[in-house]
Amino acid sequence: MDDRSDAEAVLITGPYGSGKTSVIEELAAVLEDRGTPYAAIDLDWLGWFDPGFGDHDAGRPVMLKNLGVVVGNYYEAGPRRFVLAGAISTASHASELRTALAMPLTIVRLTLPIEAIERRLAGAVTAGRADDLRVAREWIADARDEGIGDLVLSSDRPIRDVADDVLAALAW
């Protein structure tokens, strides 16, 4: 794997419904407005598949392999700022991401009361979002991501404010 130490990545993490994807969309918009080359990647899409035998954990190693390739392709095209969204809840998952990225990674954990997550996901019409709400409730009840994150921010405010805080912390 090539050395990408001249690049930087930020991972926005937190339970489903906490605003991860919205924050990376806002980060991308700000970076684009500034003329800063970037790549925005939602990790869920890199490992979303059904291997045909009911193993939902099969997606993680595939996501990591895909991430290495996708980041490499973007890196070759020029961006040195990578904004990622994905739910991680263990230090080992963070370590795996750092290895796949081969660049410095800052992890920003979003927090949000379950009532706000319920409001956000209530209007979602897919069965998957109902599952996401169940997982978010468990995630918060179990404090799954406690201790994860170089920066912890509440996402119970305008997304632009959250994005501005992330960019200020990164000095991007």
N, C-alpha and C. Protein backbone atom coordinates (compact mmCIF):
# COMPACT_ATOMS: atom_id res chain seq x y z
N MET A 1 0.84 -1.18 0.00
CA MET A 1 0.00 0.00 0.00
C MET A 1 0.89 1.24 0.00
N ASP A 2 0.52 2.20 -0.80
CA ASP A 2 1.27 3.45 -0.89
C ASP A 2 1.15 4.25 0.40
N ASP A 3 2.21 5.03 0.68
CA ASP A 3 2.19 5.95 1.81
C ASP A 3 1.33 7.15 1.42
N ARG A 4 0.33 7.42 2.22
CA ARG A 4 -0.56 8.56 1.98
C ARG A 4 -0.48 9.54 3.14
N SER A 5 0.70 9.67 3.75
CA SER A 5 0.83 10.50 4.94
C SER A 5 0.64 11.99 4.64
N ASP A 6 0.63 12.37 3.36
CA ASP A 6 0.38 13.77 3.01
C ASP A 6 -1.11 14.07 2.91
N ALA A 7 -1.94 13.08 3.16
CA ALA A 7 -3.39 13.24 3.12
C ALA A 7 -3.94 13.13 4.54
N GLU A 8 -5.19 13.54 4.71
CA GLU A 8 -5.86 13.43 6.01
C GLU A 8 -7.30 12.99 5.79
N ALA A 9 -7.81 12.26 6.77
CA ALA A 9 -9.20 11.82 6.71
C ALA A 9 -9.89 12.15 8.02
N VAL A 10 -11.19 12.36 7.91
CA VAL A 10 -12.04 12.50 9.09
C VAL A 10 -13.19 11.51 8.93
N LEU A 11 -13.46 10.79 10.00
CA LEU A 11 -14.60 9.88 10.03
C LEU A 11 -15.64 10.48 10.96
N ILE A 12 -16.83 10.66 10.43
CA ILE A 12 -17.96 11.09 11.24
C ILE A 12 -18.71 9.82 11.63
N THR A 13 -18.78 9.53 12.92
CA THR A 13 -19.42 8.32 13.40
C THR A 13 -20.48 8.64 14.44
N GLY A 14 -21.26 7.65 14.78
CA GLY A 14 -22.34 7.79 15.75
C GLY A 14 -23.43 6.82 15.39
N PRO A 15 -24.45 6.74 16.22
CA PRO A 15 -25.54 5.80 15.93
C PRO A 15 -26.31 6.22 14.68
N TYR A 16 -27.04 5.27 14.12
CA TYR A 16 -27.90 5.58 12.99
C TYR A 16 -28.82 6.74 13.36
N GLY A 17 -29.00 7.66 12.42
CA GLY A 17 -29.89 8.80 12.65
C GLY A 17 -29.23 9.97 13.33
N SER A 18 -27.93 9.86 13.64
CA SER A 18 -27.26 10.96 14.35
C SER A 18 -26.80 12.08 13.42
N GLY A 19 -26.85 11.84 12.10
CA GLY A 19 -26.51 12.90 11.15
C GLY A 19 -25.19 12.73 10.44
N LYS A 20 -24.63 11.54 10.46
CA LYS A 20 -23.32 11.32 9.85
C LYS A 20 -23.27 11.72 8.38
N THR A 21 -24.19 11.20 7.60
CA THR A 21 -24.20 11.47 6.16
C THR A 21 -24.48 12.95 5.90
N SER A 22 -25.39 13.54 6.65
CA SER A 22 -25.68 14.97 6.47
C SER A 22 -24.45 15.82 6.77
N VAL A 23 -23.69 15.45 7.79
CA VAL A 23 -22.49 16.22 8.13
C VAL A 23 -21.45 16.10 7.02
N ILE A 24 -21.23 14.88 6.48
CA ILE A 24 -20.21 14.81 5.41
C ILE A 24 -20.69 15.52 4.15
N GLU A 25 -21.99 15.53 3.90
CA GLU A 25 -22.50 16.32 2.76
C GLU A 25 -22.20 17.80 2.96
N GLU A 26 -22.39 18.28 4.18
CA GLU A 26 -22.11 19.70 4.48
C GLU A 26 -20.62 19.99 4.43
N LEU A 27 -19.81 19.08 4.96
CA LEU A 27 -18.35 19.25 4.87
C LEU A 27 -17.92 19.32 3.41
N ALA A 28 -18.47 18.45 2.58
CA ALA A 28 -18.13 18.45 1.16
C ALA A 28 -18.52 19.78 0.52
N ALA A 29 -19.69 20.30 0.86
CA ALA A 29 -20.13 21.57 0.28
C ALA A 29 -19.19 22.71 0.67
N VAL A 30 -18.78 22.74 1.93
CA VAL A 30 -17.88 23.80 2.39
C VAL A 30 -16.52 23.67 1.70
N LEU A 31 -15.98 22.46 1.66
CA LEU A 31 -14.69 22.27 1.01
C LEU A 31 -14.75 22.64 -0.47
N GLU A 32 -15.83 22.27 -1.12
CA GLU A 32 -16.00 22.63 -2.53
C GLU A 32 -16.06 24.15 -2.70
N ASP A 33 -16.82 24.82 -1.85
CA ASP A 33 -16.89 26.29 -1.91
C ASP A 33 -15.53 26.93 -1.72
N ARG A 34 -14.69 26.31 -0.92
CA ARG A 34 -13.34 26.84 -0.65
C ARG A 34 -12.34 26.46 -1.75
N GLY A 35 -12.75 25.59 -2.65
CA GLY A 35 -11.84 25.14 -3.70
C GLY A 35 -10.84 24.10 -3.21
N THR A 36 -11.19 23.40 -2.13
CA THR A 36 -10.31 22.38 -1.56
C THR A 36 -10.65 21.02 -2.16
N PRO A 37 -9.72 20.37 -2.82
CA PRO A 37 -9.99 19.03 -3.33
C PRO A 37 -10.31 18.06 -2.19
N TYR A 38 -11.33 17.26 -2.36
CA TYR A 38 -11.78 16.34 -1.31
C TYR A 38 -12.44 15.14 -1.97
N ALA A 39 -12.65 14.12 -1.16
CA ALA A 39 -13.48 12.97 -1.54
C ALA A 39 -14.38 12.67 -0.35
N ALA A 40 -15.65 12.45 -0.60
CA ALA A 40 -16.63 12.11 0.43
C ALA A 40 -17.09 10.67 0.20
N ILE A 41 -17.05 9.88 1.26
CA ILE A 41 -17.35 8.45 1.13
C ILE A 41 -18.24 8.01 2.29
N ASP A 42 -19.36 7.38 1.96
CA ASP A 42 -20.22 6.77 2.97
C ASP A 42 -19.83 5.30 3.05
N LEU A 43 -19.28 4.89 4.19
CA LEU A 43 -18.76 3.54 4.33
C LEU A 43 -19.82 2.46 4.20
N ASP A 44 -21.07 2.78 4.56
CA ASP A 44 -22.13 1.77 4.46
C ASP A 44 -22.25 1.21 3.05
N TRP A 45 -22.13 2.06 2.07
CA TRP A 45 -22.33 1.63 0.68
C TRP A 45 -21.19 0.75 0.18
N LEU A 46 -20.03 0.84 0.82
CA LEU A 46 -18.89 0.04 0.38
C LEU A 46 -18.95 -1.41 0.85
N GLY A 47 -19.83 -1.69 1.81
CA GLY A 47 -19.92 -3.05 2.31
C GLY A 47 -21.34 -3.57 2.39
N TRP A 48 -22.24 -2.95 1.63
CA TRP A 48 -23.66 -3.33 1.68
C TRP A 48 -23.93 -4.37 0.59
N PHE A 49 -24.02 -5.61 1.02
CA PHE A 49 -24.33 -6.70 0.10
C PHE A 49 -24.81 -7.88 0.92
N ASP A 50 -25.36 -8.86 0.26
CA ASP A 50 -25.81 -10.07 0.92
C ASP A 50 -25.04 -11.23 0.33
N PRO A 51 -24.19 -11.88 1.13
CA PRO A 51 -23.40 -12.99 0.59
C PRO A 51 -24.22 -14.24 0.33
N GLY A 52 -25.50 -14.21 0.70
CA GLY A 52 -26.36 -15.34 0.41
C GLY A 52 -26.46 -16.36 1.52
N PHE A 53 -25.77 -16.13 2.63
CA PHE A 53 -25.84 -17.09 3.73
C PHE A 53 -26.07 -16.41 5.07
N GLY A 54 -26.65 -15.21 5.03
CA GLY A 54 -27.10 -14.54 6.25
C GLY A 54 -26.02 -14.00 7.16
N ASP A 55 -24.80 -13.84 6.67
CA ASP A 55 -23.71 -13.33 7.50
C ASP A 55 -23.59 -11.82 7.31
N HIS A 56 -24.22 -11.06 8.22
CA HIS A 56 -24.18 -9.60 8.11
C HIS A 56 -22.79 -9.04 8.42
N ASP A 57 -21.97 -9.79 9.12
CA ASP A 57 -20.62 -9.33 9.42
C ASP A 57 -19.69 -9.47 8.22
N ALA A 58 -20.13 -10.15 7.18
CA ALA A 58 -19.30 -10.32 5.97
C ALA A 58 -19.02 -8.99 5.30
N GLY A 59 -19.85 -8.00 5.54
CA GLY A 59 -19.68 -6.70 4.89
C GLY A 59 -18.47 -5.93 5.36
N ARG A 60 -18.06 -6.09 6.61
CA ARG A 60 -16.96 -5.29 7.15
C ARG A 60 -15.64 -5.53 6.40
N PRO A 61 -15.17 -6.78 6.25
CA PRO A 61 -13.91 -6.96 5.52
C PRO A 61 -14.00 -6.51 4.06
N VAL A 62 -15.15 -6.68 3.44
CA VAL A 62 -15.32 -6.22 2.06
C VAL A 62 -15.29 -4.70 2.01
N MET A 63 -15.95 -4.04 2.98
CA MET A 63 -15.92 -2.58 3.04
C MET A 63 -14.50 -2.08 3.17
N LEU A 64 -13.70 -2.70 4.02
CA LEU A 64 -12.32 -2.26 4.22
C LEU A 64 -11.49 -2.42 2.94
N LYS A 65 -11.67 -3.55 2.24
CA LYS A 65 -10.96 -3.74 0.97
C LYS A 65 -11.41 -2.70 -0.06
N ASN A 66 -12.73 -2.50 -0.15
CA ASN A 66 -13.24 -1.50 -1.09
C ASN A 66 -12.74 -0.11 -0.74
N LEU A 67 -12.71 0.20 0.56
CA LEU A 67 -12.24 1.51 0.98
C LEU A 67 -10.81 1.76 0.53
N GLY A 68 -9.95 0.78 0.72
CA GLY A 68 -8.56 0.94 0.28
C GLY A 68 -8.45 1.25 -1.19
N VAL A 69 -9.25 0.57 -2.00
CA VAL A 69 -9.22 0.78 -3.45
C VAL A 69 -9.81 2.14 -3.83
N VAL A 70 -10.97 2.45 -3.27
CA VAL A 70 -11.65 3.71 -3.60
C VAL A 70 -10.79 4.90 -3.18
N VAL A 71 -10.25 4.86 -1.97
CA VAL A 71 -9.39 5.96 -1.50
C VAL A 71 -8.16 6.06 -2.40
N GLY A 72 -7.58 4.93 -2.78
CA GLY A 72 -6.43 4.96 -3.68
C GLY A 72 -6.76 5.62 -5.01
N ASN A 73 -7.93 5.31 -5.55
CA ASN A 73 -8.33 5.93 -6.82
C ASN A 73 -8.52 7.44 -6.67
N TYR A 74 -9.19 7.85 -5.60
CA TYR A 74 -9.36 9.29 -5.36
C TYR A 74 -8.01 9.97 -5.13
N TYR A 75 -7.16 9.33 -4.34
CA TYR A 75 -5.84 9.89 -4.03
C TYR A 75 -5.04 10.13 -5.32
N GLU A 76 -5.06 9.15 -6.20
CA GLU A 76 -4.35 9.31 -7.48
C GLU A 76 -4.92 10.47 -8.29
N ALA A 77 -6.21 10.76 -8.13
CA ALA A 77 -6.86 11.85 -8.87
C ALA A 77 -6.57 13.22 -8.25
N GLY A 78 -6.01 13.25 -7.03
CA GLY A 78 -5.61 14.53 -6.47
C GLY A 78 -6.08 14.91 -5.09
N PRO A 79 -7.26 14.51 -4.64
CA PRO A 79 -7.70 14.93 -3.30
C PRO A 79 -6.76 14.44 -2.19
N ARG A 80 -6.59 15.29 -1.19
CA ARG A 80 -5.81 14.94 0.00
C ARG A 80 -6.64 15.10 1.27
N ARG A 81 -7.91 15.43 1.11
CA ARG A 81 -8.85 15.52 2.22
C ARG A 81 -9.97 14.51 1.96
N PHE A 82 -10.19 13.64 2.94
CA PHE A 82 -11.19 12.58 2.81
C PHE A 82 -12.18 12.71 3.96
N VAL A 83 -13.46 12.83 3.62
CA VAL A 83 -14.51 12.91 4.63
C VAL A 83 -15.36 11.64 4.53
N LEU A 84 -15.44 10.92 5.65
CA LEU A 84 -16.09 9.62 5.68
C LEU A 84 -17.23 9.61 6.69
N ALA A 85 -18.27 8.86 6.38
CA ALA A 85 -19.36 8.62 7.33
C ALA A 85 -19.46 7.13 7.55
N GLY A 86 -19.57 6.73 8.81
CA GLY A 86 -19.73 5.32 9.11
C GLY A 86 -19.86 5.09 10.60
N ALA A 87 -20.62 4.10 10.96
CA ALA A 87 -20.84 3.77 12.37
C ALA A 87 -19.78 2.78 12.84
N ILE A 88 -18.94 3.23 13.77
CA ILE A 88 -17.99 2.31 14.39
C ILE A 88 -18.16 2.39 15.90
N SER A 89 -17.95 1.28 16.56
CA SER A 89 -18.18 1.27 18.00
C SER A 89 -17.06 0.63 18.80
N THR A 90 -15.96 0.28 18.13
CA THR A 90 -14.85 -0.33 18.87
C THR A 90 -13.52 0.25 18.40
N ALA A 91 -12.55 0.18 19.29
CA ALA A 91 -11.20 0.63 18.95
C ALA A 91 -10.61 -0.22 17.83
N SER A 92 -10.95 -1.50 17.79
CA SER A 92 -10.40 -2.35 16.73
C SER A 92 -10.95 -1.94 15.36
N HIS A 93 -12.22 -1.52 15.30
CA HIS A 93 -12.77 -1.03 14.04
C HIS A 93 -12.04 0.24 13.61
N ALA A 94 -11.75 1.12 14.55
CA ALA A 94 -11.01 2.34 14.24
C ALA A 94 -9.61 2.00 13.71
N SER A 95 -8.97 1.03 14.32
CA SER A 95 -7.64 0.61 13.89
C SER A 95 -7.68 0.04 12.47
N GLU A 96 -8.69 -0.77 12.18
CA GLU A 96 -8.84 -1.33 10.83
C GLU A 96 -9.01 -0.22 9.79
N LEU A 97 -9.78 0.80 10.14
CA LEU A 97 -9.96 1.92 9.21
C LEU A 97 -8.66 2.66 8.97
N ARG A 98 -7.92 2.90 10.03
CA ARG A 98 -6.63 3.59 9.88
C ARG A 98 -5.70 2.81 8.95
N THR A 99 -5.69 1.49 9.11
CA THR A 99 -4.85 0.65 8.25
C THR A 99 -5.30 0.73 6.80
N ALA A 100 -6.60 0.63 6.56
CA ALA A 100 -7.13 0.67 5.20
C ALA A 100 -6.88 2.02 4.53
N LEU A 101 -6.93 3.10 5.31
CA LEU A 101 -6.75 4.44 4.76
C LEU A 101 -5.29 4.78 4.50
N ALA A 102 -4.39 4.30 5.34
CA ALA A 102 -2.96 4.59 5.24
C ALA A 102 -2.69 6.10 5.27
N MET A 103 -3.41 6.79 6.15
CA MET A 103 -3.23 8.23 6.34
C MET A 103 -3.75 8.58 7.72
N PRO A 104 -3.37 9.75 8.23
CA PRO A 104 -3.91 10.17 9.52
C PRO A 104 -5.43 10.26 9.49
N LEU A 105 -6.07 9.78 10.55
CA LEU A 105 -7.52 9.76 10.64
C LEU A 105 -7.95 10.40 11.96
N THR A 106 -8.84 11.37 11.87
CA THR A 106 -9.48 11.95 13.04
C THR A 106 -10.90 11.41 13.09
N ILE A 107 -11.30 10.93 14.26
CA ILE A 107 -12.65 10.38 14.42
C ILE A 107 -13.49 11.37 15.21
N VAL A 108 -14.62 11.76 14.62
CA VAL A 108 -15.56 12.66 15.27
C VAL A 108 -16.82 11.86 15.57
N ARG A 109 -17.16 11.77 16.86
CA ARG A 109 -18.35 11.03 17.27
C ARG A 109 -19.48 12.00 17.51
N LEU A 110 -20.59 11.76 16.82
CA LEU A 110 -21.79 12.57 17.00
C LEU A 110 -22.65 11.97 18.10
N THR A 111 -23.20 12.83 18.92
CA THR A 111 -24.14 12.39 19.94
C THR A 111 -25.48 13.09 19.70
N LEU A 112 -26.52 12.39 20.06
CA LEU A 112 -27.87 12.91 19.87
C LEU A 112 -28.81 12.12 20.76
N PRO A 113 -29.70 12.79 21.48
CA PRO A 113 -30.66 12.04 22.30
C PRO A 113 -31.53 11.13 21.43
N ILE A 114 -31.91 10.00 21.99
CA ILE A 114 -32.70 9.03 21.23
C ILE A 114 -34.01 9.64 20.74
N GLU A 115 -34.58 10.58 21.50
CA GLU A 115 -35.83 11.22 21.06
C GLU A 115 -35.63 11.97 19.74
N ALA A 116 -34.50 12.60 19.59
CA ALA A 116 -34.21 13.32 18.35
C ALA A 116 -33.98 12.34 17.20
N ILE A 117 -33.31 11.23 17.48
CA ILE A 117 -33.12 10.21 16.45
C ILE A 117 -34.46 9.64 16.03
N GLU A 118 -35.32 9.39 16.98
CA GLU A 118 -36.66 8.87 16.66
C GLU A 118 -37.41 9.85 15.75
N ARG A 119 -37.30 11.15 16.03
CA ARG A 119 -37.95 12.15 15.17
C ARG A 119 -37.36 12.12 13.77
N ARG A 120 -36.04 12.02 13.69
CA ARG A 120 -35.38 12.02 12.37
C ARG A 120 -35.76 10.80 11.55
N LEU A 121 -35.84 9.65 12.20
CA LEU A 121 -36.09 8.41 11.46
C LEU A 121 -37.56 8.08 11.31
N ALA A 122 -38.42 8.80 12.02
CA ALA A 122 -39.86 8.50 11.99
C ALA A 122 -40.45 8.63 10.59
N GLY A 123 -39.97 9.57 9.83
CA GLY A 123 -40.53 9.78 8.50
C GLY A 123 -39.94 8.86 7.44
N ALA A 124 -38.94 8.08 7.79
CA ALA A 124 -38.32 7.17 6.82
C ALA A 124 -39.29 6.04 6.50
N VAL A 125 -39.39 5.71 5.24
CA VAL A 125 -40.40 4.74 4.81
C VAL A 125 -39.85 3.34 4.56
N THR A 126 -38.56 3.14 4.72
CA THR A 126 -38.00 1.83 4.42
C THR A 126 -37.95 0.94 5.66
N ALA A 127 -37.97 -0.35 5.43
CA ALA A 127 -37.84 -1.32 6.52
C ALA A 127 -36.47 -1.19 7.16
N GLY A 128 -35.48 -0.86 6.35
CA GLY A 128 -34.12 -0.69 6.87
C GLY A 128 -34.02 0.40 7.91
N ARG A 129 -34.77 1.48 7.73
CA ARG A 129 -34.73 2.57 8.70
C ARG A 129 -35.37 2.15 10.02
N ALA A 130 -36.38 1.29 9.98
CA ALA A 130 -36.95 0.76 11.21
C ALA A 130 -35.89 -0.06 11.96
N ASP A 131 -35.12 -0.85 11.22
CA ASP A 131 -34.02 -1.60 11.83
C ASP A 131 -32.97 -0.65 12.40
N ASP A 132 -32.67 0.42 11.65
CA ASP A 132 -31.70 1.40 12.11
C ASP A 132 -32.12 2.01 13.44
N LEU A 133 -33.41 2.31 13.59
CA LEU A 133 -33.91 2.89 14.83
C LEU A 133 -33.75 1.90 15.99
N ARG A 134 -34.04 0.63 15.74
CA ARG A 134 -33.85 -0.38 16.78
C ARG A 134 -32.39 -0.45 17.19
N VAL A 135 -31.48 -0.45 16.21
CA VAL A 135 -30.05 -0.51 16.50
C VAL A 135 -29.60 0.76 17.22
N ALA A 136 -30.11 1.91 16.82
CA ALA A 136 -29.73 3.17 17.48
C ALA A 136 -30.14 3.15 18.94
N ARG A 137 -31.32 2.64 19.22
CA ARG A 137 -31.77 2.53 20.63
C ARG A 137 -30.81 1.64 21.43
N GLU A 138 -30.44 0.50 20.86
CA GLU A 138 -29.51 -0.41 21.53
C GLU A 138 -28.14 0.25 21.70
N TRP A 139 -27.68 0.92 20.65
CA TRP A 139 -26.37 1.59 20.63
C TRP A 139 -26.28 2.58 21.79
N ILE A 140 -27.31 3.42 21.92
CA ILE A 140 -27.32 4.44 22.96
C ILE A 140 -27.47 3.81 24.34
N ALA A 141 -28.36 2.85 24.48
CA ALA A 141 -28.57 2.19 25.77
C ALA A 141 -27.31 1.49 26.26
N ASP A 142 -26.56 0.90 25.34
CA ASP A 142 -25.34 0.16 25.69
C ASP A 142 -24.09 1.05 25.72
N ALA A 143 -24.24 2.33 25.31
CA ALA A 143 -23.09 3.25 25.21
C ALA A 143 -21.97 2.59 24.39
N ARG A 144 -22.36 2.02 23.25
CA ARG A 144 -21.43 1.24 22.43
C ARG A 144 -20.18 2.00 22.00
N ASP A 145 -20.34 3.28 21.72
CA ASP A 145 -19.19 4.00 21.18
C ASP A 145 -18.50 4.88 22.23
N GLU A 146 -18.82 4.65 23.49
CA GLU A 146 -18.17 5.42 24.56
C GLU A 146 -16.66 5.23 24.45
N GLY A 147 -15.92 6.31 24.48
CA GLY A 147 -14.48 6.24 24.36
C GLY A 147 -13.98 6.29 22.93
N ILE A 148 -14.87 6.21 21.95
CA ILE A 148 -14.48 6.32 20.55
C ILE A 148 -14.58 7.78 20.15
N GLY A 149 -13.57 8.27 19.50
CA GLY A 149 -13.63 9.62 18.96
C GLY A 149 -12.57 10.53 19.53
N ASP A 150 -11.92 11.24 18.62
CA ASP A 150 -10.95 12.25 19.01
C ASP A 150 -11.68 13.54 19.39
N LEU A 151 -12.89 13.67 18.89
CA LEU A 151 -13.73 14.83 19.13
C LEU A 151 -15.16 14.33 19.24
N VAL A 152 -15.90 14.83 20.22
CA VAL A 152 -17.30 14.45 20.41
C VAL A 152 -18.14 15.71 20.29
N LEU A 153 -19.13 15.66 19.38
CA LEU A 153 -19.98 16.82 19.12
C LEU A 153 -21.45 16.42 19.18
N SER A 154 -22.26 17.31 19.70
CA SER A 154 -23.70 17.11 19.64
C SER A 154 -24.18 17.49 18.25
N SER A 155 -25.04 16.65 17.69
CA SER A 155 -25.60 16.97 16.37
C SER A 155 -27.04 17.43 16.49
N ASP A 156 -27.42 17.85 17.67
CA ASP A 156 -28.77 18.36 17.92
C ASP A 156 -28.78 19.87 17.71
N ARG A 157 -28.32 20.28 16.54
CA ARG A 157 -28.22 21.69 16.16
C ARG A 157 -28.05 21.74 14.65
N PRO A 158 -28.02 22.91 14.06
CA PRO A 158 -27.88 22.97 12.60
C PRO A 158 -26.63 22.23 12.11
N ILE A 159 -26.81 21.47 11.04
CA ILE A 159 -25.73 20.67 10.48
C ILE A 159 -24.54 21.55 10.09
N ARG A 160 -24.80 22.74 9.58
CA ARG A 160 -23.69 23.64 9.21
C ARG A 160 -22.83 23.96 10.42
N ASP A 161 -23.45 24.15 11.59
CA ASP A 161 -22.67 24.43 12.80
C ASP A 161 -21.78 23.24 13.16
N VAL A 162 -22.31 22.04 13.03
CA VAL A 162 -21.52 20.84 13.30
C VAL A 162 -20.35 20.77 12.32
N ALA A 163 -20.61 20.98 11.05
CA ALA A 163 -19.56 20.94 10.03
C ALA A 163 -18.50 22.00 10.30
N ASP A 164 -18.92 23.20 10.67
CA ASP A 164 -17.96 24.26 10.98
C ASP A 164 -17.07 23.88 12.15
N ASP A 165 -17.65 23.24 13.17
CA ASP A 165 -16.86 22.79 14.33
C ASP A 165 -15.86 21.72 13.93
N VAL A 166 -16.27 20.80 13.05
CA VAL A 166 -15.36 19.76 12.58
C VAL A 166 -14.19 20.39 11.83
N LEU A 167 -14.49 21.28 10.90
CA LEU A 167 -13.44 21.92 10.10
C LEU A 167 -12.50 22.75 10.98
N ALA A 168 -13.04 23.43 11.96
CA ALA A 168 -12.20 24.22 12.87
C ALA A 168 -11.26 23.30 13.67
N ALA A 169 -11.79 22.17 14.15
CA ALA A 169 -10.96 21.23 14.92
C ALA A 169 -9.85 20.64 14.06
N LEU A 170 -10.16 20.42 12.79
CA LEU A 170 -9.17 19.83 11.87
C LEU A 170 -8.19 20.87 11.33
N ALA A 171 -8.56 22.13 11.45
CA ALA A 171 -7.80 23.24 10.85
C ALA A 171 -7.70 23.07 9.34
N TRP A 172 -8.81 22.65 8.74
CA TRP A 172 -8.87 22.49 7.28
C TRP A 172 -9.39 23.78 6.67
